[in-house]
C-alpha atoms as a PDB file:
ATOM      1  CA  MET A   1     -71.063  17.040  41.030  1.00  0.00           C
ATOM      2  CA  ASN A   2     -67.799  15.487  40.537  1.00  0.00           C
ATOM      3  CA  THR A   3     -67.631  16.029  37.131  1.00  0.00           C
ATOM      4  CA  GLU A   4     -68.347  20.033  37.876  1.00  0.00           C
ATOM      5  CA  LYS A   5     -65.751  19.856  40.643  1.00  0.00           C
ATOM      6  CA  ASN A   6     -62.945  18.282  38.294  1.00  0.00           C
ATOM      7  CA  CYS A   7     -63.527  20.735  35.386  1.00  0.00           C
ATOM      8  CA  ARG A   8     -63.395  23.784  38.052  1.00  0.00           C
ATOM      9  CA  VAL A   9     -59.881  22.054  39.234  1.00  0.00           C
ATOM     10  CA  TYR A  10     -59.066  21.729  35.769  1.00  0.00           C
ATOM     11  CA  TYR A  11     -59.838  25.610  34.692  1.00  0.00           C
ATOM     12  CA  VAL A  12     -57.859  26.601  37.841  1.00  0.00           C
ATOM     13  CA  VAL A  13     -54.562  24.507  36.867  1.00  0.00           C
ATOM     14  CA  PHE A  14     -55.165  25.351  33.705  1.00  0.00           C
ATOM     15  CA  PRO A  15     -56.425  28.925  32.764  1.00  0.00           C
ATOM     16  CA  ASP A  16     -57.480  29.590  29.514  1.00  0.00           C
ATOM     17  CA  PRO A  17     -54.917  32.080  28.059  1.00  0.00           C
ATOM     18  CA  SER A  18     -57.217  34.213  26.404  1.00  0.00           C
ATOM     19  CA  SER A  19     -58.738  35.506  29.581  1.00  0.00           C
ATOM     20  CA  SER A  20     -55.091  37.065  30.112  1.00  0.00           C
ATOM     21  CA  PHE A  21     -54.529  40.711  30.697  1.00  0.00           C
ATOM     22  CA  TYR A  22     -51.861  40.216  27.461  1.00  0.00           C
ATOM     23  CA  ALA A  23     -54.085  38.684  25.442  1.00  0.00           C
ATOM     24  CA  ILE A  24     -57.309  40.682  26.502  1.00  0.00           C
ATOM     25  CA  ILE A  25     -55.516  44.260  25.222  1.00  0.00           C
ATOM     26  CA  PRO A  26     -54.249  43.503  22.267  1.00  0.00           C
ATOM     27  CA  PHE A  27     -57.528  41.839  21.180  1.00  0.00           C
ATOM     28  CA  PHE A  28     -59.165  44.760  22.512  1.00  0.00           C
ATOM     29  CA  LEU A  29     -57.117  47.216  20.615  1.00  0.00           C
ATOM     30  CA  ILE A  30     -57.145  45.111  17.182  1.00  0.00           C
ATOM     31  CA  TYR A  31     -61.207  44.890  17.293  1.00  0.00           C
ATOM     32  CA  LEU A  32     -60.955  49.172  18.166  1.00  0.00           C
ATOM     33  CA  VAL A  33     -59.308  49.722  15.144  1.00  0.00           C
ATOM     34  CA  LEU A  34     -61.293  47.908  13.165  1.00  0.00           C
ATOM     35  CA  PHE A  35     -64.031  49.529  14.024  1.00  0.00           C
ATOM     36  CA  ILE A  36     -63.115  52.809  13.785  1.00  0.00           C
ATOM     37  CA  LEU A  37     -61.605  52.263  10.376  1.00  0.00           C
ATOM     38  CA  GLY A  38     -64.174  49.815   9.166  1.00  0.00           C
ATOM     39  CA  LEU A  39     -66.985  52.484   9.856  1.00  0.00           C
ATOM     40  CA  THR A  40     -65.682  55.799   8.901  1.00  0.00           C
ATOM     41  CA  GLY A  41     -63.842  54.045   5.705  1.00  0.00           C
ATOM     42  CA  ASN A  42     -66.983  52.648   4.389  1.00  0.00           C
ATOM     43  CA  ILE A  43     -69.437  55.575   5.532  1.00  0.00           C
ATOM     44  CA  LEU A  44     -67.015  58.228   3.782  1.00  0.00           C
ATOM     45  CA  LEU A  45     -66.972  55.695   0.611  1.00  0.00           C
ATOM     46  CA  ILE A  46     -70.963  55.503   0.486  1.00  0.00           C
ATOM     47  CA  PHE A  47     -70.859  59.431   1.153  1.00  0.00           C
ATOM     48  CA  VAL A  48     -68.402  60.611  -1.816  1.00  0.00           C
ATOM     49  CA  THR A  49     -70.351  58.362  -4.233  1.00  0.00           C
ATOM     50  CA  ILE A  50     -73.950  59.317  -3.503  1.00  0.00           C
ATOM     51  CA  LYS A  51     -72.727  63.150  -3.524  1.00  0.00           C
ATOM     52  CA  ASN A  52     -71.109  62.683  -6.774  1.00  0.00           C
ATOM     53  CA  LYS A  53     -72.909  61.223  -9.863  1.00  0.00           C
ATOM     54  CA  VAL A  54     -70.022  60.965 -11.608  1.00  0.00           C
ATOM     55  CA  LEU A  55     -69.039  58.234  -9.428  1.00  0.00           C
ATOM     56  CA  GLN A  56     -72.632  56.396  -9.434  1.00  0.00           C
ATOM     57  CA  SER A  57     -71.584  53.466 -11.958  1.00  0.00           C
ATOM     58  CA  VAL A  58     -72.907  50.311 -12.211  1.00  0.00           C
ATOM     59  CA  GLN A  59     -69.890  48.921 -10.832  1.00  0.00           C
ATOM     60  CA  ASN A  60     -69.631  51.129  -8.036  1.00  0.00           C
ATOM     61  CA  MET A  61     -73.432  50.890  -7.025  1.00  0.00           C
ATOM     62  CA  PHE A  62     -72.349  47.029  -6.127  1.00  0.00           C
ATOM     63  CA  ILE A  63     -69.278  48.185  -4.191  1.00  0.00           C
ATOM     64  CA  LEU A  64     -71.789  50.395  -2.332  1.00  0.00           C
ATOM     65  CA  ASN A  65     -73.108  46.969  -1.097  1.00  0.00           C
ATOM     66  CA  LEU A  66     -70.316  45.884  -0.030  1.00  0.00           C
ATOM     67  CA  ALA A  67     -69.356  49.106   2.192  1.00  0.00           C
ATOM     68  CA  ALA A  68     -73.246  49.223   3.654  1.00  0.00           C
ATOM     69  CA  SER A  69     -72.652  45.422   4.546  1.00  0.00           C
ATOM     70  CA  ASP A  70     -69.713  46.356   6.285  1.00  0.00           C
ATOM     71  CA  VAL A  71     -71.475  49.439   8.137  1.00  0.00           C
ATOM     72  CA  MET A  72     -74.155  46.834   9.076  1.00  0.00           C
ATOM     73  CA  MET A  73     -71.599  44.488  10.331  1.00  0.00           C
ATOM     74  CA  CYS A  74     -69.551  47.160  12.081  1.00  0.00           C
ATOM     75  CA  LEU A  75     -72.607  48.810  14.086  1.00  0.00           C
ATOM     76  CA  LEU A  76     -74.091  45.560  14.800  1.00  0.00           C
ATOM     77  CA  SER A  77     -72.095  42.841  15.093  1.00  0.00           C
ATOM     78  CA  LEU A  78     -68.205  43.809  15.461  1.00  0.00           C
ATOM     79  CA  PRO A  79     -68.969  45.462  19.026  1.00  0.00           C
ATOM     80  CA  ILE A  80     -70.680  42.578  20.284  1.00  0.00           C
ATOM     81  CA  THR A  81     -67.573  39.909  19.529  1.00  0.00           C
ATOM     82  CA  PRO A  82     -64.974  40.901  21.991  1.00  0.00           C
ATOM     83  CA  VAL A  83     -67.542  41.457  24.923  1.00  0.00           C
ATOM     84  CA  THR A  84     -68.591  37.952  24.471  1.00  0.00           C
ATOM     85  CA  ASN A  85     -64.652  36.821  23.811  1.00  0.00           C
ATOM     86  CA  ILE A  86     -63.366  38.502  26.548  1.00  0.00           C
ATOM     87  CA  PHE A  87     -65.978  38.018  29.292  1.00  0.00           C
ATOM     88  CA  LYS A  88     -67.011  34.470  27.888  1.00  0.00           C
ATOM     89  CA  ASN A  89     -70.428  35.029  28.616  1.00  0.00           C
ATOM     90  CA  TRP A  90     -73.725  36.337  26.251  1.00  0.00           C
ATOM     91  CA  PHE A  91     -75.356  39.445  27.910  1.00  0.00           C
ATOM     92  CA  PHE A  92     -77.398  40.411  25.137  1.00  0.00           C
ATOM     93  CA  GLY A  93     -80.512  38.446  25.551  1.00  0.00           C
ATOM     94  CA  ASN A  94     -82.724  36.031  22.975  1.00  0.00           C
ATOM     95  CA  VAL A  95     -83.375  38.587  20.297  1.00  0.00           C
ATOM     96  CA  LEU A  96     -79.728  39.332  19.143  1.00  0.00           C
ATOM     97  CA  CYS A  97     -79.170  35.650  19.407  1.00  0.00           C
ATOM     98  CA  HIS A  98     -81.002  35.248  16.352  1.00  0.00           C
ATOM     99  CA  LEU A  99     -80.400  38.959  15.024  1.00  0.00           C
ATOM    100  CA  ILE A 100     -76.316  38.817  15.331  1.00  0.00           C
ATOM    101  CA  PRO A 101     -76.019  35.357  12.887  1.00  0.00           C
ATOM    102  CA  CYS A 102     -78.354  36.893  10.538  1.00  0.00           C
ATOM    103  CA  ILE A 103     -76.744  40.080  10.475  1.00  0.00           C
ATOM    104  CA  GLN A 104     -73.468  38.301  10.048  1.00  0.00           C
ATOM    105  CA  GLY A 105     -74.942  35.755   7.242  1.00  0.00           C
ATOM    106  CA  VAL A 106     -76.393  38.396   5.309  1.00  0.00           C
ATOM    107  CA  SER A 107     -72.763  40.356   5.491  1.00  0.00           C
ATOM    108  CA  ILE A 108     -71.308  37.532   4.026  1.00  0.00           C
ATOM    109  CA  PHE A 109     -73.911  36.867   1.454  1.00  0.00           C
ATOM    110  CA  ILE A 110     -74.145  40.137   0.099  1.00  0.00           C
ATOM    111  CA  CYS A 111     -70.358  40.586  -0.330  1.00  0.00           C
ATOM    112  CA  THR A 112     -70.500  37.144  -2.134  1.00  0.00           C
ATOM    113  CA  PHE A 113     -73.037  37.810  -4.084  1.00  0.00           C
ATOM    114  CA  SER A 114     -71.938  41.949  -5.057  1.00  0.00           C
ATOM    115  CA  LEU A 115     -68.569  40.263  -6.189  1.00  0.00           C
ATOM    116  CA  ALA A 116     -69.970  37.893  -7.823  1.00  0.00           C
ATOM    117  CA  ALA A 117     -72.364  40.436 -10.049  1.00  0.00           C
ATOM    118  CA  ILE A 118     -69.324  42.483 -10.458  1.00  0.00           C
ATOM    119  CA  ALA A 119     -67.738  39.799 -12.259  1.00  0.00           C
ATOM    120  CA  VAL A 120     -70.290  38.497 -14.206  1.00  0.00           C
ATOM    121  CA  ASP A 121     -70.905  42.644 -15.262  1.00  0.00           C
ATOM    122  CA  ARG A 122     -67.055  43.036 -16.611  1.00  0.00           C
ATOM    123  CA  TYR A 123     -67.561  39.306 -18.072  1.00  0.00           C
ATOM    124  CA  ILE A 124     -70.234  40.216 -19.970  1.00  0.00           C
ATOM    125  CA  LEU A 125     -68.363  43.422 -21.103  1.00  0.00           C
ATOM    126  CA  VAL A 126     -65.287  41.743 -22.601  1.00  0.00           C
ATOM    127  CA  ILE A 127     -66.798  38.707 -23.934  1.00  0.00           C
ATOM    128  CA  ARG A 128     -70.139  40.299 -25.215  1.00  0.00           C
ATOM    129  CA  PRO A 129     -68.733  43.949 -25.957  1.00  0.00           C
ATOM    130  CA  HIS A 130     -71.622  44.816 -28.239  1.00  0.00           C
ATOM    131  CA  THR A 131     -73.940  43.499 -25.676  1.00  0.00           C
ATOM    132  CA  LYS A 132     -76.016  46.564 -23.856  1.00  0.00           C
ATOM    133  CA  SER A 133     -74.498  46.969 -20.402  1.00  0.00           C
ATOM    134  CA  LEU A 134     -76.594  46.862 -17.367  1.00  0.00           C
ATOM    135  CA  SER A 135     -78.146  50.219 -16.773  1.00  0.00           C
ATOM    136  CA  ARG A 136     -77.801  52.072 -13.198  1.00  0.00           C
ATOM    137  CA  LYS A 137     -81.897  50.852 -12.664  1.00  0.00           C
ATOM    138  CA  GLY A 138     -81.203  47.395 -13.778  1.00  0.00           C
ATOM    139  CA  ALA A 139     -78.207  47.581 -10.798  1.00  0.00           C
ATOM    140  CA  LEU A 140     -80.556  48.998  -8.460  1.00  0.00           C
ATOM    141  CA  ILE A 141     -83.028  46.075  -8.928  1.00  0.00           C
ATOM    142  CA  VAL A 142     -80.169  43.506  -8.575  1.00  0.00           C
ATOM    143  CA  THR A 143     -79.200  45.319  -5.451  1.00  0.00           C
ATOM    144  CA  ILE A 144     -82.701  45.046  -4.235  1.00  0.00           C
ATOM    145  CA  ILE A 145     -82.863  41.045  -5.352  1.00  0.00           C
ATOM    146  CA  LEU A 146     -79.432  40.645  -3.469  1.00  0.00           C
ATOM    147  CA  TRP A 147     -80.281  41.973  -0.372  1.00  0.00           C
ATOM    148  CA  THR A 148     -84.033  40.157  -0.276  1.00  0.00           C
ATOM    149  CA  LEU A 149     -82.610  37.053  -1.541  1.00  0.00           C
ATOM    150  CA  SER A 150     -79.443  37.572   1.596  1.00  0.00           C
ATOM    151  CA  PHE A 151     -82.071  37.870   4.316  1.00  0.00           C
ATOM    152  CA  ILE A 152     -84.424  35.296   3.004  1.00  0.00           C
ATOM    153  CA  VAL A 153     -81.487  32.536   2.799  1.00  0.00           C
ATOM    154  CA  THR A 154     -80.043  33.759   6.180  1.00  0.00           C
ATOM    155  CA  LEU A 155     -83.113  33.249   8.267  1.00  0.00           C
ATOM    156  CA  PRO A 156     -83.376  29.790   8.944  1.00  0.00           C
ATOM    157  CA  TYR A 157     -79.783  29.944   9.918  1.00  0.00           C
ATOM    158  CA  ALA A 158     -80.819  32.647  12.434  1.00  0.00           C
ATOM    159  CA  PHE A 159     -83.702  30.862  13.794  1.00  0.00           C
ATOM    160  CA  ASN A 160     -81.380  27.787  14.635  1.00  0.00           C
ATOM    161  CA  MET A 161     -79.638  29.496  16.818  1.00  0.00           C
ATOM    162  CA  GLU A 162     -80.070  29.397  20.891  1.00  0.00           C
ATOM    163  CA  ILE A 163     -78.850  30.234  24.259  1.00  0.00           C
ATOM    164  CA  VAL A 164     -77.835  27.548  26.854  1.00  0.00           C
ATOM    165  CA  ASP A 165     -76.665  27.501  30.030  1.00  0.00           C
ATOM    166  CA  PHE A 166     -72.711  27.604  29.958  1.00  0.00           C
ATOM    167  CA  SER A 167     -72.320  27.180  33.688  1.00  0.00           C
ATOM    168  CA  SER A 168     -74.153  28.484  36.833  1.00  0.00           C
ATOM    169  CA  ASP A 169     -74.046  32.464  35.698  1.00  0.00           C
ATOM    170  CA  ARG A 170     -72.973  32.103  32.250  1.00  0.00           C
ATOM    171  CA  TYR A 171     -74.498  31.584  28.789  1.00  0.00           C
ATOM    172  CA  ARG A 172     -73.368  31.081  24.921  1.00  0.00           C
ATOM    173  CA  VAL A 173     -75.044  31.292  22.022  1.00  0.00           C
ATOM    174  CA  ARG A 174     -74.848  27.980  19.868  1.00  0.00           C
ATOM    175  CA  SER A 175     -76.232  26.358  16.866  1.00  0.00           C
ATOM    176  CA  LYS A 176     -79.276  23.951  17.706  1.00  0.00           C
ATOM    177  CA  ASN A 177     -78.324  21.862  14.339  1.00  0.00           C
ATOM    178  CA  GLU A 178     -74.715  21.897  13.199  1.00  0.00           C
ATOM    179  CA  GLU A 179     -75.785  20.289   9.836  1.00  0.00           C
ATOM    180  CA  ILE A 180     -77.718  23.529   9.218  1.00  0.00           C
ATOM    181  CA  LYS A 181     -74.656  25.327  10.306  1.00  0.00           C
ATOM    182  CA  ALA A 182     -72.501  23.415   7.812  1.00  0.00           C
ATOM    183  CA  VAL A 183     -74.854  24.072   4.976  1.00  0.00           C
ATOM    184  CA  PHE A 184     -74.846  27.702   5.311  1.00  0.00           C
ATOM    185  CA  GLN A 185     -71.355  28.156   5.643  1.00  0.00           C
ATOM    186  CA  GLU A 186     -70.422  25.485   2.733  1.00  0.00           C
ATOM    187  CA  GLU A 187     -72.978  24.729   0.789  1.00  0.00           C
ATOM    188  CA  LEU A 188     -74.564  28.263  -0.080  1.00  0.00           C
ATOM    189  CA  ALA A 189     -72.116  30.573   0.160  1.00  0.00           C
ATOM    190  CA  VAL A 190     -68.862  28.814  -1.320  1.00  0.00           C
ATOM    191  CA  ASP A 191     -70.718  25.948  -3.561  1.00  0.00           C
ATOM    192  CA  SER A 192     -73.586  28.445  -5.172  1.00  0.00           C
ATOM    193  CA  LEU A 193     -70.196  31.008  -6.035  1.00  0.00           C
ATOM    194  CA  ASP A 194     -68.285  28.237  -7.378  1.00  0.00           C
ATOM    195  CA  ALA A 195     -71.116  27.086  -9.719  1.00  0.00           C
ATOM    196  CA  LEU A 196     -71.381  30.568 -10.920  1.00  0.00           C
ATOM    197  CA  LEU A 197     -67.683  31.023 -11.693  1.00  0.00           C
ATOM    198  CA  GLN A 198     -67.728  27.574 -13.554  1.00  0.00           C
ATOM    199  CA  SER A 199     -70.134  28.460 -15.769  1.00  0.00           C
ATOM    200  CA  CYS A 200     -68.504  31.844 -16.810  1.00  0.00           C
ATOM    201  CA  LEU A 201     -65.238  30.247 -17.491  1.00  0.00           C
ATOM    202  CA  ILE A 202     -66.698  27.377 -19.678  1.00  0.00           C
ATOM    203  CA  GLN A 203     -68.300  30.230 -21.628  1.00  0.00           C
ATOM    204  CA  LEU A 204     -65.478  32.088 -21.581  1.00  0.00           C
ATOM    205  CA  LEU A 205     -63.416  29.142 -22.908  1.00  0.00           C
ATOM    206  CA  SER A 206     -65.972  28.422 -25.424  1.00  0.00           C
ATOM    207  CA  ASP A 207     -66.013  31.914 -27.016  1.00  0.00           C
ATOM    208  CA  SER A 208     -62.261  31.734 -27.347  1.00  0.00           C
ATOM    209  CA  LEU A 209     -62.166  28.638 -29.024  1.00  0.00           C
ATOM    210  CA  PRO A 210     -61.498  29.481 -33.122  1.00  0.00           C
ATOM    211  CA  THR A 211     -64.763  28.397 -34.942  1.00  0.00           C
ATOM    212  CA  LYS A 212     -64.985  27.268 -38.721  1.00  0.00           C
ATOM    213  CA  ARG A 213     -65.510  30.777 -39.546  1.00  0.00           C
ATOM    214  CA  HIS A 214     -62.318  32.235 -37.684  1.00  0.00           C
ATOM    215  CA  VAL A 215     -60.014  29.262 -38.922  1.00  0.00           C
ATOM    216  CA  MET A 216     -61.238  29.841 -42.728  1.00  0.00           C
ATOM    217  CA  PHE A 217     -60.407  33.336 -42.100  1.00  0.00           C
ATOM    218  CA  ARG A 218     -56.974  32.697 -40.713  1.00  0.00           C
ATOM    219  CA  LYS A 219     -56.039  30.430 -43.905  1.00  0.00           C
ATOM    220  CA  ALA A 220     -57.076  33.112 -46.047  1.00  0.00           C
ATOM    221  CA  GLY A 221     -55.006  35.813 -44.128  1.00  0.00           C
ATOM    222  CA  LEU A 222     -58.387  38.047 -43.660  1.00  0.00           C
ATOM    223  CA  PHE A 223     -58.286  37.376 -39.474  1.00  0.00           C
END
């Protein structure tokens, strides 16, 4: 009881600055602008790309992944964040407690994997110009694999979340195991992309180094 009383006194003497009127209004307006621009911009991008077959290239299909993940984030995650931060309470029940982190994780992984797929596709076209490029059907298969993999990888993180009592009438969402959270934030999202980029860089350097045949042609003035 003494601890709770001391905490209440501390909260009265040192109120949370994020709960002030001057912090809430700019915070709300910024999120509102992000929601409107993010939703309308990405929906227009998806609509224009689907309507114009000329724009349905392999690279643009991966860009559609980015747009789709952003739309999903805008609809399911972005409106909840300002409400939770402004009122310092979780109003959305146990289902969204697990669903929202899953949506956020899937969106991050889709963005990461899609950018990596674009980089690999450009890399192959530059380093192996005579290699047959990825077809739209192949890009669609890769897209399905990326979404499936993102959901599978994010599920353990979603089930790791729980609702706890923050005070007598307030709740918050937290991770049951912070180690699992750290693994998903650092090991999977960052290290997997680093490994891919490092392998591409090593291959790029090895292909750019002169071989014995190149040296012989240069000495003969043929290359």
